[in-house]
């Protein structure tokens, strides 16, 4: 009787193991407890407890612990549930994918929609591993596969990130010389690759965009002569190239209020700041600088929450009289914030902390910060040896979770680069290299989940 009981007990354990789904296997593995918690929080246990088959590439606890804390904080925020679900679905293939069946160059379909790729771990290690659609490569398939009733679980040593998981995954740029291209490149490992939307665009300078409508706008400073220049728009896909504003005098900086669907732009030698609809209709002149040929607005940036328009205003080139100015959306309340500047080309805003970042150009130029709120800048001068610094944009996606605020800026040399630096002036790294006089830069989301 004791022998029979023991046999029954063993068979029950075997039956229980065979009845385990991929969710059960993950929940029962102490090395995958972080993944199990995320799957429960994202509401995916029901899906992965279904018929399948599913192959789960399961990041270990150590893989999650290696992520910056602010990335984990972002993913845990209930307002970012879509991103968490997309991340987890990117680790699941809706098919059985055995390690022994993998082949170099293979594309593996995921529940999220983007592919995971198979490639050797390194140039010297031909063992096959996984590569994400962003920057993760050499992802090791660790340990043995665990089989479940509805698929299998394979532990991995890194977290895989699909392109488009985080907003502002690309930096858009224009070249004012050479092929006069307008394009975009992967930013901060949120995406990778480069695409060119337009060639020979006749001296593009300023840049603005709306990721929600997937539209890009730029100014064409054709000859810097009265009323012979224009502005152009195009879809992120490269379709619908359109000259939507004509008869402009030296147009340069641009910005968008994406809530109101309004475009703000400057006429540099025209000495004006305007606002219009995205199609170029209903042009309003918000500011005309007097006396003529003395003050030249080079760039504009808007804070929709405060309804403020900030302007980089240059003076006669031989005089240190350039300034950063601000006014309300209706053109009233004009005020100079900083004066005595030289070649102050571009500016951009951190609307979260209410900081203005502005560039003084030329060789040996600088990137600077000015607070228009209650929080002081981490550094008033972030960088002081720029080589023809020109325009900028701000990335504060992770700032609320303890991450950095980064400033993306262009150096309009030939060749010129686009860089990223944090708001304390640290960790400067190149993003895009060897462009021909890059000027306008803006961060945007090409692939929205």
Protein backbone atom coordinates (compact mmCIF):
# COMPACT_ATOMS: atom_id res chain seq x y z
CA UNK A 1 0.00 0.00 0.00
CA UNK A 2 2.89 2.36 0.83
CA UNK A 3 4.51 1.60 -2.53
CA UNK A 4 1.23 2.27 -4.35
CA UNK A 5 0.81 5.60 -2.50
CA UNK A 6 4.32 6.64 -3.45
CA UNK A 7 3.69 5.83 -7.11
CA UNK A 8 0.45 7.82 -7.06
CA UNK A 9 2.25 10.77 -5.50
CA UNK A 10 4.97 10.71 -8.16
CA UNK A 11 2.40 10.48 -10.92
CA UNK A 12 0.54 13.44 -9.42
CA UNK A 13 3.71 15.53 -9.42
CA UNK A 14 4.43 14.54 -13.02
CA UNK A 15 0.86 15.34 -14.06
CA UNK A 16 1.03 18.66 -12.26
CA UNK A 17 4.29 19.55 -14.03
CA UNK A 18 2.84 18.55 -17.37
CA UNK A 19 -0.22 20.72 -16.74
CA UNK A 20 1.89 23.84 -16.05
CA UNK A 21 1.52 26.74 -18.49
CA UNK A 22 4.32 29.16 -19.34
CA UNK A 23 2.83 31.49 -16.70
CA UNK A 24 3.07 28.72 -14.10
CA UNK A 25 6.69 27.98 -15.01
CA UNK A 26 7.66 31.63 -14.71
CA UNK A 27 5.82 32.04 -11.40
CA UNK A 28 7.52 28.94 -10.01
CA UNK A 29 11.04 30.04 -10.93
CA UNK A 30 12.55 32.28 -8.20
CA UNK A 31 15.03 33.67 -10.75
CA UNK A 32 12.13 35.04 -12.81
CA UNK A 33 10.13 36.67 -10.00
CA UNK A 34 10.50 40.20 -11.43
CA UNK A 35 9.10 39.07 -14.77
CA UNK A 36 6.26 37.28 -13.00
CA UNK A 37 5.36 40.46 -11.13
CA UNK A 38 5.40 42.52 -14.34
CA UNK A 39 3.23 39.98 -16.19
CA UNK A 40 0.65 40.08 -13.41
CA UNK A 41 0.70 43.88 -13.24
CA UNK A 42 0.30 44.16 -17.00
CA UNK A 43 -2.68 41.78 -17.05
CA UNK A 44 -1.00 39.31 -19.40
CA UNK A 45 -1.24 36.15 -17.32
CA UNK A 46 -4.62 35.24 -18.82
CA UNK A 47 -3.28 35.63 -22.36
CA UNK A 48 -0.17 33.56 -21.68
CA UNK A 49 -2.23 30.99 -19.81
CA UNK A 50 -4.18 30.33 -22.98
CA UNK A 51 -3.82 27.65 -25.62
CA UNK A 52 -0.65 28.94 -27.24
CA UNK A 53 1.81 27.83 -28.31
CA UNK A 54 4.01 30.55 -26.83
CA UNK A 55 7.75 30.87 -26.54
CA UNK A 56 8.71 33.25 -23.74
CA UNK A 57 12.22 34.71 -23.68
CA UNK A 58 12.29 35.39 -19.97
CA UNK A 59 14.70 38.06 -18.66
CA UNK A 60 16.22 37.03 -15.35
CA UNK A 61 15.93 39.10 -12.20
CA UNK A 62 19.52 40.20 -12.81
CA UNK A 63 18.58 41.41 -16.30
CA UNK A 64 15.86 43.68 -14.87
CA UNK A 65 18.15 44.81 -12.04
CA UNK A 66 20.70 45.97 -14.63
CA UNK A 67 18.23 48.50 -16.09
CA UNK A 68 18.44 52.12 -14.93
CA UNK A 69 16.01 52.63 -12.05
CA UNK A 70 14.28 55.44 -13.92
CA UNK A 71 13.44 53.12 -16.81
CA UNK A 72 11.87 50.64 -14.40
CA UNK A 73 10.04 53.52 -12.72
CA UNK A 74 8.66 54.64 -16.07
CA UNK A 75 7.42 51.13 -16.88
CA UNK A 76 5.78 50.75 -13.46
CA UNK A 77 3.83 53.98 -13.82
CA UNK A 78 0.17 53.03 -14.50
CA UNK A 79 -0.05 55.83 -17.07
CA UNK A 80 2.55 53.94 -19.14
CA UNK A 81 0.75 50.58 -19.06
CA UNK A 82 0.76 50.39 -22.88
CA UNK A 83 4.55 50.56 -22.88
CA UNK A 84 4.88 47.85 -20.22
CA UNK A 85 2.52 45.54 -22.10
CA UNK A 86 4.38 46.15 -25.36
CA UNK A 87 7.72 45.43 -23.69
CA UNK A 88 6.49 42.14 -22.27
CA UNK A 89 4.78 41.07 -25.50
CA UNK A 90 8.08 41.68 -27.29
CA UNK A 91 9.46 38.78 -25.23
CA UNK A 92 6.80 36.35 -26.49
CA UNK A 93 6.62 34.58 -29.82
CA UNK A 94 3.21 33.14 -30.80
CA UNK A 95 4.87 29.86 -31.83
CA UNK A 96 7.23 27.20 -30.56
CA UNK A 97 10.82 28.33 -31.07
CA UNK A 98 13.30 25.74 -29.84
CA UNK A 99 16.88 26.87 -29.23
CA UNK A 100 18.14 23.99 -31.35
CA UNK A 101 16.09 25.20 -34.32
CA UNK A 102 17.49 28.76 -34.42
CA UNK A 103 19.45 29.84 -37.48
CA UNK A 104 21.69 32.86 -38.08
CA UNK A 105 19.76 35.79 -39.56
CA UNK A 106 16.36 34.39 -38.61
CA UNK A 107 13.55 36.82 -37.75
CA UNK A 108 11.29 35.77 -34.91
CA UNK A 109 7.76 37.17 -34.77
CA UNK A 110 6.51 38.53 -31.44
CA UNK A 111 3.13 39.30 -29.90
CA UNK A 112 4.15 42.97 -29.85
CA UNK A 113 4.56 43.02 -33.63
CA UNK A 114 8.24 43.83 -34.05
CA UNK A 115 10.76 41.09 -34.81
CA UNK A 116 13.52 39.67 -32.64
CA UNK A 117 16.60 38.66 -34.62
CA UNK A 118 19.00 35.75 -34.33
CA UNK A 119 22.75 36.37 -34.65
CA UNK A 120 26.09 35.17 -33.24
CA UNK A 121 26.86 36.53 -29.78
CA UNK A 122 29.99 38.27 -31.09
CA UNK A 123 32.56 38.25 -33.86
CA UNK A 124 34.54 35.66 -31.96
CA UNK A 125 31.67 33.68 -30.42
CA UNK A 126 29.53 31.90 -32.98
CA UNK A 127 26.97 30.75 -30.41
CA UNK A 128 23.62 32.09 -31.50
CA UNK A 129 21.81 34.67 -29.39
CA UNK A 130 19.09 37.28 -29.76
CA UNK A 131 19.20 40.86 -31.08
CA UNK A 132 16.45 43.44 -30.49
CA UNK A 133 15.13 46.02 -32.96
CA UNK A 134 16.96 48.71 -30.94
CA UNK A 135 20.39 48.35 -29.32
CA UNK A 136 20.36 45.06 -27.43
CA UNK A 137 22.59 42.46 -29.03
CA UNK A 138 24.46 39.40 -27.88
CA UNK A 139 21.51 38.41 -25.69
CA UNK A 140 22.41 35.03 -24.23
CA UNK A 141 19.91 32.19 -24.02
CA UNK A 142 20.88 30.86 -20.60
CA UNK A 143 20.10 27.47 -19.12
CA UNK A 144 17.82 24.80 -20.49
CA UNK A 145 14.42 25.31 -22.05
CA UNK A 146 11.48 24.59 -19.81
CA UNK A 147 8.53 22.99 -21.57
CA UNK A 148 4.92 23.80 -20.67
CA UNK A 149 1.55 22.60 -21.86
CA UNK A 150 1.20 25.70 -24.04
CA UNK A 151 4.79 26.37 -25.09
CA UNK A 152 8.21 26.88 -23.58
CA UNK A 153 10.20 29.31 -21.43
CA UNK A 154 13.81 30.26 -22.21
CA UNK A 155 15.72 32.42 -19.74
CA UNK A 156 17.79 35.31 -21.20
CA UNK A 157 20.38 37.63 -19.66
CA UNK A 158 19.10 41.00 -20.98
CA UNK A 159 15.79 42.79 -21.38
CA UNK A 160 14.82 43.25 -25.03
CA UNK A 161 13.47 46.64 -26.13
CA UNK A 162 11.46 47.12 -29.34
CA UNK A 163 11.68 50.28 -31.41
CA UNK A 164 8.89 52.69 -30.56
CA UNK A 165 8.54 51.60 -26.94
CA UNK A 166 9.48 55.06 -25.65
CA UNK A 167 8.37 58.40 -27.12
CA UNK A 168 10.91 60.58 -28.93
CA UNK A 169 12.75 57.61 -30.39
CA UNK A 170 14.24 59.54 -33.31
CA UNK A 171 16.05 62.85 -33.74
CA UNK A 172 15.04 64.74 -36.90
CA UNK A 173 17.63 66.95 -38.58
CA UNK A 174 18.27 69.15 -41.61
CA UNK A 175 21.48 69.81 -43.55
CA UNK A 176 21.90 73.36 -44.79
CA UNK A 177 24.71 72.46 -47.18
CA UNK A 178 25.80 69.52 -49.32
CA UNK A 179 22.79 67.44 -50.37
CA UNK A 180 20.51 69.66 -48.23
CA UNK A 181 18.83 66.61 -46.77
CA UNK A 182 15.99 66.31 -44.28
CA UNK A 183 15.99 63.08 -42.30
CA UNK A 184 15.91 61.31 -38.95
CA UNK A 185 18.17 58.96 -36.97
CA UNK A 186 17.70 56.63 -34.00
CA UNK A 187 18.05 58.32 -30.61
CA UNK A 188 19.34 57.04 -27.26
CA UNK A 189 18.90 53.35 -28.18
CA UNK A 190 15.12 53.85 -28.42
CA UNK A 191 15.44 53.13 -32.14
CA UNK A 192 18.24 52.70 -34.63
CA UNK A 193 18.97 53.49 -38.25
CA UNK A 194 18.66 56.58 -40.42
CA UNK A 195 16.12 57.56 -43.06
CA UNK A 196 16.16 60.52 -45.43
CA UNK A 197 12.81 62.10 -46.25
CA UNK A 198 13.91 64.71 -48.79
CA UNK A 199 16.98 65.79 -50.79
CA UNK A 200 17.99 69.14 -52.28
CA UNK A 201 15.51 71.09 -50.18
CA UNK A 202 17.12 74.54 -50.78
CA UNK A 203 18.86 75.51 -47.56
CA UNK A 204 16.65 74.12 -44.79
CA UNK A 205 17.26 75.83 -41.44
CA UNK A 206 14.62 75.56 -38.71
CA UNK A 207 12.64 72.44 -37.91
CA UNK A 208 9.37 71.64 -36.13
CA UNK A 209 7.15 68.57 -35.92
CA UNK A 210 4.02 66.98 -34.52
CA UNK A 211 4.39 63.27 -33.76
CA UNK A 212 0.63 62.89 -33.29
CA UNK A 213 -0.17 64.00 -36.84
CA UNK A 214 3.19 62.64 -38.10
CA UNK A 215 4.09 65.92 -39.82
CA UNK A 216 7.46 67.61 -40.20
CA UNK A 217 7.96 71.30 -41.04
CA UNK A 218 11.08 73.23 -42.03
CA UNK A 219 12.05 76.69 -43.19
CA UNK A 220 13.82 77.20 -46.53
CA UNK A 221 16.16 80.19 -46.34
CA UNK A 222 16.73 80.20 -50.08
CA UNK A 223 18.79 83.40 -50.47
CA UNK A 224 18.09 85.48 -47.36
CA UNK A 225 16.59 88.09 -49.67
CA UNK A 226 13.23 89.79 -49.21
CA UNK A 227 10.23 87.54 -49.77
CA UNK A 228 11.87 84.82 -51.89
CA UNK A 229 11.96 82.09 -49.24
CA UNK A 230 9.34 79.62 -48.02
CA UNK A 231 8.46 76.78 -45.65
CA UNK A 232 7.88 73.10 -46.44
CA UNK A 233 6.07 70.21 -44.79
CA UNK A 234 6.15 66.45 -45.26
CA UNK A 235 4.67 63.39 -43.56
CA UNK A 236 6.94 61.14 -41.50
CA UNK A 237 6.40 58.52 -44.21
CA UNK A 238 7.93 60.83 -46.84
CA UNK A 239 4.56 61.48 -48.50
CA UNK A 240 2.77 64.77 -49.10
CA UNK A 241 5.75 67.08 -49.64
CA UNK A 242 4.23 70.55 -49.71
CA UNK A 243 5.42 74.16 -49.83
CA UNK A 244 2.79 75.61 -47.51
CA UNK A 245 4.18 79.11 -46.88
CA UNK A 246 5.71 81.43 -49.51
CA UNK A 247 6.95 85.01 -49.77
CA UNK A 248 9.01 84.83 -46.58
CA UNK A 249 12.08 86.93 -45.74
CA UNK A 250 14.87 84.76 -44.28
CA UNK A 251 12.74 82.26 -42.28
CA UNK A 252 14.63 80.35 -39.60
CA UNK A 253 13.46 78.93 -36.25
CA UNK A 254 10.20 77.00 -35.78
CA UNK A 255 8.18 75.28 -33.06
CA UNK A 256 4.73 73.72 -32.69
CA UNK A 257 1.94 73.84 -30.16
CA UNK A 258 0.71 70.31 -30.79
CA UNK A 259 -2.44 70.81 -28.72
CA UNK A 260 -3.66 73.83 -30.70
CA UNK A 261 -2.10 72.57 -33.98
CA UNK A 262 -0.27 75.87 -34.46
CA UNK A 263 3.14 76.51 -36.00
CA UNK A 264 5.32 79.35 -34.71
CA UNK A 265 8.12 80.65 -36.94
CA UNK A 266 10.53 83.55 -37.35
CA UNK A 267 11.54 85.74 -40.27
CA UNK A 268 15.11 86.55 -39.32
CA UNK A 269 15.92 89.53 -41.53
CA UNK A 270 12.21 90.19 -41.82
CA UNK A 271 12.38 90.96 -38.06
CA UNK A 272 9.08 89.20 -37.27
CA UNK A 273 7.63 86.30 -35.29
CA UNK A 274 4.50 84.64 -36.66
CA UNK A 275 1.95 81.93 -35.92
CA UNK A 276 -0.19 79.96 -38.39
CA UNK A 277 -2.10 76.74 -38.88
CA UNK A 278 -0.23 73.64 -40.01
CA UNK A 279 -1.42 74.20 -43.59
CA UNK A 280 -0.10 77.79 -43.63
CA UNK A 281 -3.49 79.46 -43.24
CA UNK A 282 -4.39 82.20 -40.75
CA UNK A 283 -0.92 83.72 -40.44
CA UNK A 284 -0.71 86.09 -37.44
CA UNK A 285 2.21 88.43 -36.77
CA UNK A 286 2.84 88.27 -33.02
CA UNK A 287 5.90 90.52 -32.89
CA UNK A 288 7.59 92.94 -35.29
CA UNK A 289 10.90 94.23 -33.99
CA UNK A 290 11.69 97.93 -34.23
CA UNK A 291 13.64 99.78 -35.49
CA UNK A 292 14.00 97.82 -38.76
CA UNK A 293 17.27 95.98 -39.46
CA UNK A 294 18.32 96.08 -35.81
CA UNK A 295 16.74 93.04 -34.13
CA UNK A 296 16.63 89.67 -35.91
CA UNK A 297 14.62 86.78 -34.36
CA UNK A 298 16.56 83.59 -35.07
CA UNK A 299 14.57 80.95 -33.21
CA UNK A 300 11.33 80.45 -31.31
CA UNK A 301 10.08 77.95 -28.71
CA UNK A 302 6.69 77.74 -27.01
CA UNK A 303 5.37 76.57 -23.63
CA UNK A 304 1.68 75.75 -24.28
CA UNK A 305 0.88 75.26 -20.60
CA UNK A 306 2.02 78.79 -19.72
CA UNK A 307 1.05 80.20 -23.16
CA UNK A 308 4.50 81.74 -23.53
CA UNK A 309 6.60 82.35 -26.65
CA UNK A 310 10.38 82.48 -26.19
CA UNK A 311 12.63 84.04 -28.83
CA UNK A 312 16.35 84.09 -29.57
CA UNK A 313 16.86 87.59 -30.99
CA UNK A 314 20.13 88.56 -32.63
CA UNK A 315 21.52 92.06 -33.05
CA UNK A 316 23.91 93.67 -35.51
CA UNK A 317 26.67 91.03 -35.80
CA UNK A 318 29.45 93.33 -34.61
CA UNK A 319 27.68 94.17 -31.34
CA UNK A 320 27.07 92.06 -28.22
CA UNK A 321 23.40 92.95 -28.04
CA UNK A 322 21.65 89.68 -28.77
CA UNK A 323 18.98 88.60 -26.30
CA UNK A 324 16.54 85.97 -25.13
CA UNK A 325 13.03 87.39 -24.91
CA UNK A 326 9.55 86.18 -23.98
CA UNK A 327 5.95 87.23 -24.57
CA UNK A 328 2.47 85.80 -24.14
CA UNK A 329 0.66 83.92 -26.91
CA UNK A 330 -1.33 87.04 -27.74
CA UNK A 331 1.85 89.08 -28.32
CA UNK A 332 1.58 91.10 -25.11
CA UNK A 333 3.88 91.22 -22.08
CA UNK A 334 7.12 91.31 -24.07
CA UNK A 335 10.21 91.11 -21.84
CA UNK A 336 13.96 90.70 -22.37
CA UNK A 337 15.30 87.89 -20.15
CA UNK A 338 19.00 87.88 -21.10
CA UNK A 339 20.94 90.52 -23.04
CA UNK A 340 24.49 91.03 -24.27
CA UNK A 341 24.62 87.81 -26.29
CA UNK A 342 26.64 87.06 -29.42
CA UNK A 343 25.39 84.92 -32.31
CA UNK A 344 22.58 83.47 -30.19
CA UNK A 345 21.10 81.16 -32.80
CA UNK A 346 18.87 78.57 -31.14
CA UNK A 347 16.85 77.88 -28.01
CA UNK A 348 14.68 75.09 -26.60
CA UNK A 349 12.55 74.51 -23.50
CA UNK A 350 12.25 72.07 -20.65
CA UNK A 351 8.59 72.80 -19.97
CA UNK A 352 8.59 70.49 -16.95
CA UNK A 353 11.13 72.43 -14.88
CA UNK A 354 10.61 75.70 -16.81
CA UNK A 355 14.13 76.07 -18.17
CA UNK A 356 15.29 77.78 -21.36
CA UNK A 357 18.39 76.34 -23.00
CA UNK A 358 20.02 78.67 -25.50
CA UNK A 359 23.05 78.57 -27.76
CA UNK A 360 25.63 81.22 -28.49
CA UNK A 361 27.21 80.21 -31.77
CA UNK A 362 30.45 80.60 -33.64
CA UNK A 363 33.65 78.73 -32.82
CA UNK A 364 34.01 78.55 -29.08
CA UNK A 365 30.28 79.04 -28.56
CA UNK A 366 28.26 77.85 -25.58
CA UNK A 367 25.12 76.03 -24.43
CA UNK A 368 23.45 77.85 -21.55
CA UNK A 369 20.46 77.55 -19.20
CA UNK A 370 18.03 80.13 -17.83
CA UNK A 371 15.21 79.35 -15.39
CA UNK A 372 11.80 80.95 -15.88
CA UNK A 373 10.24 79.02 -12.99
CA UNK A 374 11.09 78.26 -9.39
CA UNK A 375 13.66 75.50 -10.02
CA UNK A 376 17.20 76.75 -10.67
CA UNK A 377 19.28 75.35 -13.52
CA UNK A 378 21.77 72.63 -12.61
CA UNK A 379 24.36 74.58 -14.57
CA UNK A 380 24.07 78.03 -16.13
CA UNK A 381 26.76 77.17 -18.70
CA UNK A 382 26.56 73.55 -19.77
CA UNK A 383 29.21 73.64 -22.50
CA UNK A 384 31.53 76.48 -23.50
CA UNK A 385 33.52 75.24 -26.49
CA UNK A 386 30.96 74.48 -29.19
CA UNK A 387 31.99 74.54 -32.82
CA UNK A 388 29.25 76.59 -34.43
CA UNK A 389 26.47 75.36 -32.16
CA UNK A 390 23.10 76.13 -33.72
CA UNK A 391 19.75 74.72 -32.55
CA UNK A 392 18.50 72.34 -29.86
CA UNK A 393 15.67 70.30 -28.35
CA UNK A 394 15.00 68.80 -24.90
CA UNK A 395 14.29 65.22 -23.80
CA UNK A 396 12.86 64.96 -20.27
CA UNK A 397 11.01 61.66 -20.70
CA UNK A 398 12.58 59.98 -17.65
CA UNK A 399 13.16 63.08 -15.50
CA UNK A 400 10.06 62.52 -13.35
CA UNK A 401 11.41 59.05 -12.45
CA UNK A 402 14.87 60.26 -11.44
CA UNK A 403 16.43 60.12 -14.89
CA UNK A 404 18.36 62.84 -16.71
CA UNK A 405 17.07 65.73 -18.75
CA UNK A 406 19.03 65.69 -21.99
CA UNK A 407 19.61 68.48 -24.48
CA UNK A 408 20.10 67.51 -28.13
CA UNK A 409 21.95 70.14 -30.16
CA UNK A 410 23.56 70.63 -33.56
CA UNK A 411 26.98 71.94 -34.52
CA UNK A 412 26.61 73.46 -37.99
CA UNK A 413 30.15 72.78 -39.17
CA UNK A 414 31.12 70.91 -42.34
CA UNK A 415 31.17 68.12 -41.41
CA UNK A 416 28.97 68.72 -38.41
CA UNK A 417 27.49 66.52 -35.72
CA UNK A 418 24.44 66.30 -33.49
CA UNK A 419 25.12 65.68 -29.79
CA UNK A 420 23.34 64.89 -26.57
CA UNK A 421 24.36 66.24 -23.14
CA UNK A 422 22.57 66.21 -19.79
CA UNK A 423 21.30 69.37 -18.12
CA UNK A 424 24.32 69.51 -15.81
CA UNK A 425 26.64 69.64 -18.81
CA UNK A 426 27.83 66.06 -18.37
CA UNK A 427 27.85 62.91 -20.50
CA UNK A 428 28.12 64.55 -23.92
CA UNK A 429 27.88 61.95 -26.68
CA UNK A 430 27.47 62.20 -30.47
CA UNK A 431 24.16 60.99 -31.91
CA UNK A 432 24.54 61.67 -35.65
CA UNK A 433 27.90 62.32 -37.29
CA UNK A 434 29.23 63.72 -40.55
CA UNK A 435 26.32 65.87 -41.63
CA UNK A 436 26.81 68.94 -43.83
CA UNK A 437 26.05 71.99 -41.65
CA UNK A 438 23.20 70.48 -39.59
CA UNK A 439 21.00 73.22 -38.14
CA UNK A 440 17.43 72.42 -37.07
CA UNK A 441 16.99 69.44 -34.71
CA UNK A 442 13.83 68.07 -33.12
CA UNK A 443 12.93 64.88 -31.26
CA UNK A 444 9.95 62.91 -32.48
CA UNK A 445 8.19 59.56 -32.33
CA UNK A 446 8.22 57.72 -35.63
CA UNK A 447 6.72 54.44 -34.48
CA UNK A 448 3.83 54.88 -32.05
CA UNK A 449 2.70 51.76 -30.16
